Amino acid sequence: MTIFKFALTRAFKNVFTLIITAILPIGTILIRTMWEDDAINGFMLIALFLMIGAVLLSNNILKDKVDGVIPRILLGPVTMTDYFFQNLLACMIPLTLQSFSVGIIGVLLHDWTLSFGLALGLSYTLFSVAMTTLCFSFYALFREKETGNLGILAVTMMSAMLGGLTIPKSLLPITVQRVGALLPPHWISRSIYSLNTGEITLEFWIYQGILVLFAVIFLLFGGKRRMI
């Protein structure tokens, strides 16, 4: 688990990443007006923080690839699958802590039911896994940091908009909304709206299954790409 420990340490050394994955989400959940009645903005903002956090944390994959670190790692008793999974685990620890912290604090401060808070934390976590593996597979396509970073920035901004995290989906044409369904933000948005009905329905669990499916597809795609 040497790769995991190194990746985790590297993640927590970045101050901006800590702000996105810890300080801003906790600050947001403490603002009561964002969570009153049927307000949905707070939920979408947390999802946006998770998306940005996934991009920042997974960027180390691109750095390792461009800097020639991966070939040196693979000289040891480590496979590419080990490398991917240990990096994924390191990325998911801060994102999972963020996801469930929001749910638990919401239960304590905003009178959410425990089942709602845990379901929300689970949905945010699965969304984080899907976004992190998306970034992994996307970074595997590039050999230059600048190109990879600009590319993932464009994909992140577009998927956030199409998924309804930055603007209401009702403002988008139906065709554009259907395109958004090809990316994870659409399904975390659907999950949030489903939970806000006050019940954990079968629909909600279907959305979680779709997020898991995204994660598997992206991880398999990224693992098949040439990283050296």
Protein backbone atom coordinates (compact mmCIF):
# COMPACT_ATOMS: atom_id res chain seq x y z
CA MET A 1 0.00 0.00 0.00
CA THR A 2 3.00 2.32 -0.49
CA ILE A 3 1.37 4.02 -3.49
CA PHE A 4 -1.80 4.59 -1.48
CA LYS A 5 0.08 6.20 1.43
CA PHE A 6 2.10 8.43 -0.88
CA ALA A 7 -0.99 9.48 -2.88
CA LEU A 8 -2.93 10.23 0.32
CA THR A 9 -0.08 12.29 1.77
CA ARG A 10 0.27 14.19 -1.50
CA ALA A 11 -3.45 14.93 -1.57
CA PHE A 12 -3.48 16.48 1.90
CA LYS A 13 -0.42 18.64 1.19
CA ASN A 14 -2.35 20.73 -1.35
CA VAL A 15 -3.95 23.65 0.52
CA PHE A 16 -6.44 24.47 -2.24
CA THR A 17 -7.60 20.85 -2.33
CA LEU A 18 -8.16 20.91 1.44
CA ILE A 19 -10.24 24.08 1.09
CA ILE A 20 -12.44 22.50 -1.59
CA THR A 21 -12.83 19.12 0.09
CA ALA A 22 -13.17 20.25 3.71
CA ILE A 23 -13.54 23.94 4.56
CA LEU A 24 -16.04 25.07 1.91
CA PRO A 25 -18.42 22.07 2.26
CA ILE A 26 -18.51 22.38 6.05
CA GLY A 27 -19.02 26.12 5.76
CA THR A 28 -21.86 25.58 3.29
CA ILE A 29 -23.72 23.06 5.44
CA LEU A 30 -23.60 25.55 8.34
CA ILE A 31 -25.47 28.23 6.37
CA ARG A 32 -29.06 27.49 7.38
CA THR A 33 -30.75 29.54 4.65
CA MET A 34 -29.30 27.27 1.96
CA TRP A 35 -31.11 24.26 3.42
CA GLU A 36 -34.46 25.67 4.49
CA ASP A 37 -37.76 24.35 3.14
CA ASP A 38 -37.40 23.13 -0.45
CA ALA A 39 -34.09 24.91 -1.15
CA ILE A 40 -31.96 22.82 -3.49
CA ASN A 41 -28.94 25.10 -4.02
CA GLY A 42 -26.97 23.78 -1.04
CA PHE A 43 -27.20 20.17 -2.26
CA MET A 44 -26.06 21.14 -5.76
CA LEU A 45 -23.20 23.24 -4.41
CA ILE A 46 -21.87 20.31 -2.36
CA ALA A 47 -22.00 18.13 -5.49
CA LEU A 48 -20.04 20.82 -7.34
CA PHE A 49 -17.39 20.86 -4.59
CA LEU A 50 -17.13 17.07 -4.86
CA MET A 51 -16.68 17.32 -8.62
CA ILE A 52 -13.90 19.91 -8.29
CA GLY A 53 -12.30 17.86 -5.51
CA ALA A 54 -12.29 14.77 -7.74
CA VAL A 55 -10.56 16.74 -10.50
CA LEU A 56 -7.90 18.13 -8.15
CA LEU A 57 -7.18 14.84 -6.40
CA SER A 58 -7.03 12.76 -9.58
CA ASN A 59 -4.71 15.27 -11.27
CA ASN A 60 -1.78 13.43 -9.68
CA ILE A 61 -2.38 10.63 -12.21
CA LEU A 62 -1.59 13.05 -15.04
CA LYS A 63 1.44 14.41 -13.19
CA ASP A 64 2.83 10.89 -12.67
CA LYS A 65 2.28 10.07 -16.33
CA VAL A 66 3.89 13.23 -17.71
CA ASP A 67 6.80 13.20 -15.25
CA GLY A 68 7.65 9.58 -16.05
CA VAL A 69 6.88 8.32 -12.53
CA ILE A 70 4.60 5.47 -13.64
CA PRO A 71 7.29 3.48 -15.54
CA ARG A 72 9.52 3.61 -12.46
CA ILE A 73 6.67 2.44 -10.23
CA LEU A 74 5.93 -0.49 -12.55
CA LEU A 75 9.53 -1.71 -12.26
CA GLY A 76 8.56 -3.00 -8.83
CA PRO A 77 6.01 -5.69 -7.91
CA VAL A 78 3.12 -3.37 -8.84
CA THR A 79 0.61 -3.77 -11.66
CA MET A 80 -1.25 -0.95 -13.39
CA THR A 81 -4.43 -2.17 -11.71
CA ASP A 82 -2.77 -1.80 -8.29
CA TYR A 83 -1.65 1.69 -9.21
CA PHE A 84 -5.14 2.77 -10.29
CA PHE A 85 -6.97 1.26 -7.33
CA GLN A 86 -4.57 2.60 -4.70
CA ASN A 87 -4.78 6.09 -6.19
CA LEU A 88 -8.57 5.79 -6.35
CA LEU A 89 -8.69 4.77 -2.69
CA ALA A 90 -6.48 7.72 -1.72
CA CYS A 91 -8.77 10.11 -3.63
CA MET A 92 -11.92 8.66 -2.10
CA ILE A 93 -10.96 9.03 1.56
CA PRO A 94 -11.27 12.87 1.68
CA LEU A 95 -14.26 12.84 -0.70
CA THR A 96 -16.09 10.18 1.33
CA LEU A 97 -15.40 12.05 4.56
CA GLN A 98 -16.83 15.17 2.96
CA SER A 99 -19.90 13.31 1.69
CA PHE A 100 -20.89 11.72 4.98
CA SER A 101 -19.89 14.74 7.07
CA VAL A 102 -22.46 16.78 5.15
CA GLY A 103 -25.12 14.13 5.80
CA ILE A 104 -24.34 13.81 9.52
CA ILE A 105 -24.13 17.57 10.12
CA GLY A 106 -27.42 17.96 8.25
CA VAL A 107 -29.03 15.46 10.61
CA LEU A 108 -27.75 17.39 13.64
CA LEU A 109 -28.43 20.93 12.44
CA HIS A 110 -31.26 20.79 9.93
CA ASP A 111 -33.51 18.08 11.36
CA TRP A 112 -32.89 15.65 8.51
CA THR A 113 -33.78 12.07 9.25
CA LEU A 114 -30.85 9.71 9.75
CA SER A 115 -31.88 7.67 6.71
CA PHE A 116 -31.93 10.83 4.57
CA GLY A 117 -28.49 11.91 5.78
CA LEU A 118 -26.94 8.47 5.18
CA ALA A 119 -28.60 8.10 1.77
CA LEU A 120 -27.32 11.54 0.77
CA GLY A 121 -23.81 10.66 1.96
CA LEU A 122 -23.92 7.41 -0.02
CA SER A 123 -25.11 9.15 -3.16
CA TYR A 124 -22.43 11.83 -2.89
CA THR A 125 -19.79 9.12 -2.37
CA LEU A 126 -20.85 7.15 -5.43
CA PHE A 127 -20.91 10.35 -7.45
CA SER A 128 -17.36 11.08 -6.25
CA VAL A 129 -16.20 7.61 -7.34
CA ALA A 130 -17.79 8.09 -10.77
CA MET A 131 -16.20 11.53 -11.22
CA THR A 132 -12.78 10.38 -10.01
CA THR A 133 -12.72 7.42 -12.40
CA LEU A 134 -13.93 9.73 -15.19
CA CYS A 135 -10.93 11.97 -14.50
CA PHE A 136 -8.60 8.94 -14.40
CA SER A 137 -9.78 7.73 -17.79
CA PHE A 138 -9.71 11.25 -19.25
CA TYR A 139 -6.17 11.98 -18.05
CA ALA A 140 -5.04 8.68 -19.59
CA LEU A 141 -5.72 10.21 -23.03
CA PHE A 142 -3.13 12.98 -22.68
CA ARG A 143 0.64 13.23 -22.56
CA GLU A 144 0.89 16.94 -21.69
CA LYS A 145 -0.24 18.60 -18.45
CA GLU A 146 -1.56 21.76 -20.09
CA THR A 147 -3.70 19.89 -22.62
CA GLY A 148 -5.02 17.46 -20.03
CA ASN A 149 -5.86 20.20 -17.52
CA LEU A 150 -7.63 22.36 -20.11
CA GLY A 151 -9.53 19.32 -21.37
CA ILE A 152 -10.78 18.23 -17.96
CA LEU A 153 -11.70 21.84 -17.11
CA ALA A 154 -13.89 22.01 -20.22
CA VAL A 155 -15.49 18.63 -19.48
CA THR A 156 -16.13 19.57 -15.84
CA MET A 157 -17.77 22.89 -16.69
CA MET A 158 -19.90 21.37 -19.42
CA SER A 159 -21.02 18.37 -17.37
CA ALA A 160 -21.85 20.58 -14.36
CA MET A 161 -24.06 22.73 -16.56
CA LEU A 162 -25.72 19.83 -18.38
CA GLY A 163 -26.24 17.98 -15.10
CA GLY A 164 -28.07 20.88 -13.48
CA LEU A 165 -25.46 21.67 -10.84
CA THR A 166 -24.88 25.27 -11.97
CA ILE A 167 -28.19 26.14 -13.64
CA PRO A 168 -31.65 24.53 -13.36
CA LYS A 169 -32.10 21.76 -15.92
CA SER A 170 -35.55 23.10 -16.68
CA LEU A 171 -33.86 26.01 -18.45
CA LEU A 172 -32.11 23.64 -20.86
CA PRO A 173 -33.66 22.24 -24.06
CA ILE A 174 -34.84 18.62 -23.80
CA THR A 175 -32.18 17.46 -26.27
CA VAL A 176 -29.42 19.03 -24.17
CA GLN A 177 -30.84 17.42 -21.03
CA ARG A 178 -30.66 14.03 -22.72
CA VAL A 179 -27.01 14.61 -23.59
CA GLY A 180 -26.38 15.44 -19.94
CA ALA A 181 -27.66 11.99 -18.98
CA LEU A 182 -24.41 10.58 -20.43
CA LEU A 183 -22.44 12.08 -17.53
CA PRO A 184 -22.51 11.49 -13.72
CA PRO A 185 -23.66 15.02 -12.66
CA HIS A 186 -27.06 14.39 -14.23
CA TRP A 187 -27.59 11.39 -11.95
CA ILE A 188 -26.47 13.03 -8.70
CA SER A 189 -28.90 15.81 -9.56
CA ARG A 190 -31.68 13.26 -10.08
CA SER A 191 -30.71 11.55 -6.82
CA ILE A 192 -30.96 14.82 -4.88
CA TYR A 193 -34.37 15.63 -6.32
CA SER A 194 -35.52 12.08 -5.57
CA LEU A 195 -34.40 12.33 -1.92
CA ASN A 196 -36.07 15.71 -1.52
CA THR A 197 -39.45 14.07 -2.02
CA GLY A 198 -39.00 12.81 1.53
CA GLU A 199 -38.76 9.12 0.66
CA ILE A 200 -35.97 6.78 -0.45
CA THR A 201 -37.62 5.25 -3.49
CA LEU A 202 -36.68 2.54 -5.95
CA GLU A 203 -35.89 5.34 -8.39
CA PHE A 204 -33.19 6.59 -6.03
CA TRP A 205 -31.51 3.18 -5.92
CA ILE A 206 -31.62 2.93 -9.70
CA TYR A 207 -29.75 6.23 -9.89
CA GLN A 208 -27.11 4.88 -7.50
CA GLY A 209 -26.72 1.80 -9.69
CA ILE A 210 -26.16 4.05 -12.71
CA LEU A 211 -23.43 5.95 -10.85
CA VAL A 212 -21.73 2.64 -9.99
CA LEU A 213 -21.99 1.61 -13.64
CA PHE A 214 -20.32 4.86 -14.70
CA ALA A 215 -17.47 4.21 -12.26
CA VAL A 216 -16.89 0.68 -13.56
CA ILE A 217 -16.96 1.78 -17.21
CA PHE A 218 -14.55 4.68 -16.66
CA LEU A 219 -12.18 2.59 -14.56
CA LEU A 220 -12.05 -0.18 -17.16
CA PHE A 221 -11.54 2.35 -19.95
CA GLY A 222 -8.75 4.12 -18.07
CA GLY A 223 -7.07 0.84 -17.19
CA LYS A 224 -6.95 -0.15 -20.85
CA ARG A 225 -5.24 3.07 -21.95
CA ARG A 226 -1.50 3.27 -22.34
CA MET A 227 -0.12 5.20 -19.35
CA ILE A 228 3.58 4.99 -20.14
